[in-house]
Amino acid sequence: MPVKYLSVSEAAARKGVSRSAIYAAIARGRLSAERIAGHWVLREKEVDTYTPIPNDQRAGMRLGGRRRAQQGSEGKRPRGRPRKTSTEGEGQA
């Protein structure tokens, strides 16, 4: 039986996710794809067995996502130029 391939758009429509989510799954190795004539194609059987990760679980997987959540406000560094205090600049004309 011949292997049936799907385009990234077809795979995204079948799974109810965006094309960028399919590309991200390919980049992470969760889906394997082949490049044919400059286009990424995926095997239909593999797309059917693939389960996308919900957004709430994906947020913790981002690089540094967990570290930022643990840091809290004390981990933030000040941005921009420091503010002048009331004693600075007084007496200068």
N, C-alpha and C. Protein backbone atom coordinates (compact mmCIF):
# COMPACT_ATOMS: atom_id res chain seq x y z
N MET A 1 0.86 -1.18 0.00
CA MET A 1 0.00 0.00 0.00
C MET A 1 0.90 1.24 0.00
N PRO A 2 0.64 2.20 -0.88
CA PRO A 2 1.49 3.39 -0.95
C PRO A 2 1.30 4.27 0.29
N VAL A 3 2.37 4.96 0.64
CA VAL A 3 2.35 5.87 1.79
C VAL A 3 1.72 7.18 1.35
N LYS A 4 0.77 7.68 2.14
CA LYS A 4 0.13 8.95 1.81
C LYS A 4 0.78 10.06 2.65
N TYR A 5 1.09 11.15 1.98
CA TYR A 5 1.72 12.29 2.64
C TYR A 5 0.74 13.45 2.75
N LEU A 6 0.93 14.28 3.78
CA LEU A 6 0.14 15.48 3.97
C LEU A 6 1.06 16.69 4.00
N SER A 7 0.57 17.81 3.53
CA SER A 7 1.34 19.06 3.64
C SER A 7 1.22 19.56 5.08
N VAL A 8 2.01 20.55 5.42
CA VAL A 8 1.95 21.13 6.76
C VAL A 8 0.58 21.75 6.99
N SER A 9 0.02 22.41 6.00
CA SER A 9 -1.31 23.01 6.13
C SER A 9 -2.38 21.95 6.36
N GLU A 10 -2.29 20.86 5.63
CA GLU A 10 -3.27 19.78 5.79
C GLU A 10 -3.15 19.14 7.17
N ALA A 11 -1.93 18.94 7.63
CA ALA A 11 -1.71 18.36 8.96
C ALA A 11 -2.25 19.29 10.05
N ALA A 12 -2.02 20.59 9.90
CA ALA A 12 -2.51 21.56 10.88
C ALA A 12 -4.03 21.56 10.92
N ALA A 13 -4.66 21.53 9.76
CA ALA A 13 -6.13 21.51 9.70
C ALA A 13 -6.68 20.23 10.33
N ARG A 14 -6.03 19.12 10.09
CA ARG A 14 -6.48 17.84 10.62
C ARG A 14 -6.38 17.80 12.14
N LYS A 15 -5.34 18.44 12.70
CA LYS A 15 -5.14 18.43 14.15
C LYS A 15 -5.74 19.63 14.85
N GLY A 16 -6.22 20.61 14.09
CA GLY A 16 -6.84 21.79 14.70
C GLY A 16 -5.83 22.72 15.37
N VAL A 17 -4.62 22.77 14.81
CA VAL A 17 -3.58 23.67 15.33
C VAL A 17 -3.07 24.54 14.18
N SER A 18 -2.21 25.49 14.50
CA SER A 18 -1.67 26.36 13.47
C SER A 18 -0.53 25.68 12.73
N ARG A 19 -0.19 26.22 11.58
CA ARG A 19 0.95 25.69 10.82
C ARG A 19 2.24 25.84 11.61
N SER A 20 2.36 26.97 12.34
CA SER A 20 3.58 27.18 13.12
C SER A 20 3.72 26.14 14.24
N ALA A 21 2.59 25.64 14.76
CA ALA A 21 2.65 24.58 15.77
C ALA A 21 3.17 23.28 15.16
N ILE A 22 2.80 23.02 13.92
CA ILE A 22 3.31 21.83 13.23
C ILE A 22 4.80 21.98 12.96
N TYR A 23 5.22 23.16 12.49
CA TYR A 23 6.65 23.39 12.26
C TYR A 23 7.44 23.25 13.56
N ALA A 24 6.88 23.75 14.67
CA ALA A 24 7.56 23.64 15.97
C ALA A 24 7.68 22.18 16.39
N ALA A 25 6.64 21.39 16.14
CA ALA A 25 6.69 19.96 16.47
C ALA A 25 7.75 19.25 15.63
N ILE A 26 7.90 19.66 14.39
CA ILE A 26 8.94 19.08 13.53
C ILE A 26 10.32 19.46 14.07
N ALA A 27 10.49 20.73 14.44
CA ALA A 27 11.78 21.22 14.95
C ALA A 27 12.16 20.53 16.25
N ARG A 28 11.18 20.23 17.10
CA ARG A 28 11.44 19.57 18.39
C ARG A 28 11.60 18.06 18.26
N GLY A 29 11.30 17.54 17.07
CA GLY A 29 11.42 16.10 16.87
C GLY A 29 10.18 15.31 17.26
N ARG A 30 9.09 16.00 17.58
CA ARG A 30 7.85 15.31 17.93
C ARG A 30 7.13 14.77 16.70
N LEU A 31 7.40 15.36 15.55
CA LEU A 31 6.88 14.88 14.27
C LEU A 31 8.05 14.77 13.31
N SER A 32 8.08 13.71 12.54
CA SER A 32 9.12 13.62 11.52
C SER A 32 8.53 14.04 10.18
N ALA A 33 9.32 14.72 9.41
CA ALA A 33 8.86 15.23 8.11
C ALA A 33 9.98 15.08 7.11
N GLU A 34 9.59 15.08 5.86
CA GLU A 34 10.56 15.01 4.77
C GLU A 34 10.36 16.24 3.90
N ARG A 35 11.44 16.63 3.27
CA ARG A 35 11.36 17.76 2.35
C ARG A 35 11.34 17.22 0.93
N ILE A 36 10.26 17.49 0.23
CA ILE A 36 10.10 17.03 -1.16
C ILE A 36 9.82 18.26 -2.02
N ALA A 37 10.69 18.49 -2.98
CA ALA A 37 10.57 19.63 -3.90
C ALA A 37 10.44 20.95 -3.15
N GLY A 38 11.18 21.08 -2.04
CA GLY A 38 11.18 22.32 -1.28
C GLY A 38 10.03 22.49 -0.31
N HIS A 39 9.18 21.47 -0.14
CA HIS A 39 8.03 21.55 0.76
C HIS A 39 8.14 20.45 1.81
N TRP A 40 7.76 20.78 3.04
CA TRP A 40 7.73 19.78 4.09
C TRP A 40 6.48 18.94 3.94
N VAL A 41 6.63 17.63 4.01
CA VAL A 41 5.48 16.72 3.98
C VAL A 41 5.61 15.74 5.14
N LEU A 42 4.46 15.31 5.65
CA LEU A 42 4.41 14.42 6.80
C LEU A 42 3.61 13.18 6.43
N ARG A 43 3.99 12.06 6.99
CA ARG A 43 3.23 10.83 6.74
C ARG A 43 1.87 10.91 7.44
N GLU A 44 0.85 10.50 6.72
CA GLU A 44 -0.52 10.60 7.23
C GLU A 44 -0.70 9.81 8.53
N LYS A 45 -0.15 8.61 8.60
CA LYS A 45 -0.29 7.78 9.81
C LYS A 45 0.34 8.46 11.02
N GLU A 46 1.49 9.10 10.81
CA GLU A 46 2.16 9.76 11.93
C GLU A 46 1.36 10.97 12.40
N VAL A 47 0.78 11.70 11.48
CA VAL A 47 -0.04 12.86 11.85
C VAL A 47 -1.26 12.39 12.64
N ASP A 48 -1.85 11.28 12.22
CA ASP A 48 -3.03 10.76 12.92
C ASP A 48 -2.72 10.33 14.35
N THR A 49 -1.50 9.85 14.60
CA THR A 49 -1.14 9.41 15.95
C THR A 49 -0.56 10.53 16.81
N TYR A 50 -0.24 11.67 16.21
CA TYR A 50 0.36 12.80 16.94
C TYR A 50 -0.68 13.48 17.81
N THR A 51 -0.30 13.78 19.05
CA THR A 51 -1.17 14.51 19.98
C THR A 51 -0.50 15.84 20.32
N PRO A 52 -1.08 16.98 19.91
CA PRO A 52 -0.48 18.28 20.23
C PRO A 52 -0.50 18.54 21.73
N ILE A 53 0.48 19.30 22.20
CA ILE A 53 0.55 19.67 23.61
C ILE A 53 -0.34 20.90 23.81
N PRO A 54 -1.24 20.87 24.82
CA PRO A 54 -2.08 22.06 25.07
C PRO A 54 -1.22 23.27 25.46
N ASN A 55 -1.72 24.47 25.19
CA ASN A 55 -0.98 25.70 25.45
C ASN A 55 -0.56 25.85 26.91
N ASP A 56 -1.41 25.44 27.86
CA ASP A 56 -1.06 25.63 29.27
C ASP A 56 0.15 24.78 29.67
N GLN A 57 0.34 23.63 29.06
CA GLN A 57 1.52 22.81 29.35
C GLN A 57 2.73 23.30 28.59
N ARG A 58 2.53 23.86 27.39
CA ARG A 58 3.63 24.31 26.55
C ARG A 58 4.34 25.51 27.17
N ALA A 59 3.63 26.35 27.91
CA ALA A 59 4.22 27.57 28.47
C ALA A 59 5.39 27.24 29.40
N GLY A 60 5.31 26.18 30.17
CA GLY A 60 6.40 25.81 31.07
C GLY A 60 7.59 25.21 30.36
N MET A 61 7.42 24.81 29.10
CA MET A 61 8.50 24.17 28.36
C MET A 61 9.40 25.18 27.67
N ARG A 62 8.96 26.43 27.58
CA ARG A 62 9.77 27.43 26.90
C ARG A 62 11.08 27.63 27.64
N LEU A 63 12.10 27.96 26.91
CA LEU A 63 13.40 28.18 27.51
C LEU A 63 13.34 29.30 28.53
N GLY A 64 13.66 29.01 29.75
CA GLY A 64 13.65 30.02 30.80
C GLY A 64 12.28 30.26 31.40
N GLY A 65 11.26 29.61 30.92
CA GLY A 65 9.91 29.83 31.44
C GLY A 65 9.79 29.53 32.91
N ARG A 66 10.41 28.44 33.34
CA ARG A 66 10.33 28.05 34.73
C ARG A 66 11.19 28.99 35.58
N ARG A 67 12.35 29.38 35.06
CA ARG A 67 13.22 30.27 35.82
C ARG A 67 12.56 31.60 36.07
N ARG A 68 11.89 32.15 35.08
CA ARG A 68 11.24 33.44 35.25
C ARG A 68 10.15 33.35 36.30
N ALA A 69 9.41 32.27 36.33
CA ALA A 69 8.33 32.12 37.29
C ALA A 69 8.88 32.01 38.71
N GLN A 70 10.04 31.40 38.89
CA GLN A 70 10.62 31.24 40.21
C GLN A 70 11.30 32.51 40.69
N GLN A 71 11.77 33.36 39.78
CA GLN A 71 12.51 34.55 40.17
C GLN A 71 11.65 35.55 40.93
N GLY A 72 10.48 35.80 40.48
CA GLY A 72 9.64 36.81 41.10
C GLY A 72 10.14 38.20 40.77
N SER A 73 9.71 39.19 41.53
CA SER A 73 10.07 40.58 41.23
C SER A 73 11.52 40.90 41.59
N GLU A 74 12.09 40.19 42.57
CA GLU A 74 13.45 40.51 42.96
C GLU A 74 14.48 40.12 41.90
N GLY A 75 14.10 39.26 40.98
CA GLY A 75 15.02 38.84 39.93
C GLY A 75 15.12 39.80 38.77
N LYS A 76 14.24 40.80 38.74
CA LYS A 76 14.24 41.73 37.62
C LYS A 76 15.35 42.75 37.79
N ARG A 77 15.99 43.08 36.70
CA ARG A 77 17.02 44.11 36.77
C ARG A 77 16.41 45.43 36.31
N PRO A 78 16.89 46.52 36.86
CA PRO A 78 16.33 47.82 36.46
C PRO A 78 16.65 48.13 35.00
N ARG A 79 15.76 48.77 34.35
CA ARG A 79 15.93 49.13 32.94
C ARG A 79 16.13 50.64 32.82
N GLY A 80 16.89 51.06 31.84
CA GLY A 80 17.05 52.47 31.56
C GLY A 80 18.00 53.17 32.52
N ARG A 81 17.94 54.48 32.50
CA ARG A 81 18.81 55.31 33.32
C ARG A 81 18.27 55.38 34.75
N PRO A 82 19.14 55.35 35.76
CA PRO A 82 18.65 55.46 37.14
C PRO A 82 18.02 56.82 37.38
N ARG A 83 17.01 56.87 38.20
CA ARG A 83 16.33 58.13 38.51
C ARG A 83 17.19 58.97 39.44
N LYS A 84 17.05 60.27 39.30
CA LYS A 84 17.76 61.17 40.20
C LYS A 84 17.00 61.23 41.51
N THR A 85 17.75 61.25 42.61
CA THR A 85 17.11 61.43 43.91
C THR A 85 16.97 62.92 44.16
N SER A 86 16.25 63.30 45.19
CA SER A 86 16.01 64.71 45.46
C SER A 86 17.29 65.45 45.85
N THR A 87 18.30 64.74 46.39
CA THR A 87 19.54 65.40 46.80
C THR A 87 20.50 65.57 45.64
N GLU A 88 20.34 64.78 44.60
CA GLU A 88 21.22 64.92 43.46
C GLU A 88 20.84 66.14 42.64
N GLY A 89 21.81 66.84 42.18
CA GLY A 89 21.55 67.95 41.30
C GLY A 89 21.18 69.24 41.99
N GLU A 90 20.99 69.20 43.32
CA GLU A 90 20.66 70.42 44.04
C GLU A 90 21.91 71.27 44.22
N GLY A 91 21.76 72.50 44.15
CA GLY A 91 22.87 73.40 44.35
C GLY A 91 23.71 73.60 43.09
N GLN A 92 23.35 72.94 42.05
CA GLN A 92 24.08 73.11 40.80
C GLN A 92 23.28 74.05 39.92
N ALA A 93 23.97 74.97 39.32
CA ALA A 93 23.26 75.94 38.50
C ALA A 93 23.64 75.84 37.06
